[in-house]
Amino acid sequence: MKHKLTARELEVLQMIIYEHTTHEIADKLCIHSETIRSHRKNLLSKLGARNVAGMVRRAFEYQLVQSEPMHID
């Protein structure tokens, strides 16, 4: 990992992993959607990823986040 993630970046990353959209994340955090896009761009750079799939993969590789238990109905 290139740089340490901020608490806000970790929060956004967790929400991305749980499949929240940019607008949903912005609404939940009471910030503008452009700010979420900036966080996403910074996360991609800091994690050395080319896309969101790579960002998620690296988040688990670096043990930055935990997944929820999978519920199968």
Protein backbone atom coordinates (compact mmCIF):
# COMPACT_ATOMS: atom_id res chain seq x y z
CA MET A 1 0.00 0.00 0.00
CA LYS A 2 1.38 3.38 -1.01
CA HIS A 3 -0.01 5.54 1.82
CA LYS A 4 -2.02 5.09 5.02
CA LEU A 5 -5.77 5.48 4.60
CA THR A 6 -7.70 8.07 6.59
CA ALA A 7 -10.61 7.08 8.82
CA ARG A 8 -13.02 8.61 6.29
CA GLU A 9 -11.42 6.71 3.40
CA LEU A 10 -11.81 3.46 5.35
CA GLU A 11 -15.44 4.31 6.00
CA VAL A 12 -16.07 5.00 2.30
CA LEU A 13 -14.18 1.84 1.32
CA GLN A 14 -16.35 -0.27 3.62
CA MET A 15 -19.49 1.22 2.12
CA ILE A 16 -18.22 0.58 -1.42
CA ILE A 17 -17.57 -3.04 -0.51
CA TYR A 18 -21.16 -3.35 0.72
CA GLU A 19 -22.26 -2.09 -2.73
CA HIS A 20 -23.53 1.34 -1.77
CA THR A 21 -23.67 3.80 -4.64
CA THR A 22 -21.85 7.12 -4.64
CA HIS A 23 -25.11 8.95 -3.91
CA GLU A 24 -26.08 6.56 -1.11
CA ILE A 25 -22.68 7.01 0.54
CA ALA A 26 -22.90 10.79 0.21
CA ASP A 27 -26.37 10.81 1.74
CA LYS A 28 -25.37 8.57 4.66
CA LEU A 29 -22.25 10.63 5.40
CA CYS A 30 -23.97 13.99 4.76
CA ILE A 31 -21.37 15.08 2.23
CA HIS A 32 -21.44 15.90 -1.49
CA SER A 33 -21.20 13.10 -4.05
CA GLU A 34 -18.14 14.82 -5.59
CA THR A 35 -16.38 14.35 -2.25
CA ILE A 36 -17.10 10.62 -2.45
CA ARG A 37 -15.65 10.56 -5.96
CA SER A 38 -12.51 12.22 -4.60
CA HIS A 39 -12.26 9.64 -1.82
CA ARG A 40 -12.69 6.85 -4.39
CA LYS A 41 -9.93 8.35 -6.56
CA ASN A 42 -7.62 8.62 -3.54
CA LEU A 43 -8.41 5.04 -2.52
CA LEU A 44 -7.57 3.75 -6.00
CA SER A 45 -4.26 5.59 -5.91
CA LYS A 46 -3.30 4.64 -2.35
CA LEU A 47 -4.16 0.99 -2.91
CA GLY A 48 -2.45 0.90 -6.30
CA ALA A 49 -5.61 -0.33 -8.01
CA ARG A 50 -6.83 0.34 -11.55
CA ASN A 51 -10.54 -0.05 -10.82
CA VAL A 52 -13.02 -0.66 -8.03
CA ALA A 53 -12.71 -4.45 -8.31
CA GLY A 54 -8.96 -4.15 -7.76
CA MET A 55 -9.52 -1.75 -4.89
CA VAL A 56 -11.84 -4.23 -3.17
CA ARG A 57 -9.43 -7.12 -3.75
CA ARG A 58 -6.54 -5.15 -2.24
CA ALA A 59 -8.68 -4.04 0.70
CA PHE A 60 -9.15 -7.70 1.62
CA GLU A 61 -5.52 -8.59 0.85
CA TYR A 62 -4.33 -5.82 3.19
CA GLN A 63 -7.03 -6.78 5.73
CA LEU A 64 -8.38 -3.24 5.79
CA VAL A 65 -12.00 -4.36 5.97
CA GLN A 66 -14.06 -7.29 7.11
CA SER A 67 -16.85 -8.87 5.16
CA GLU A 68 -20.31 -9.53 6.54
CA PRO A 69 -21.36 -13.13 6.83
CA MET A 70 -23.05 -14.23 3.63
CA HIS A 71 -26.76 -15.00 3.96
CA ILE A 72 -28.19 -17.45 1.47
CA ASP A 73 -32.00 -17.59 1.30
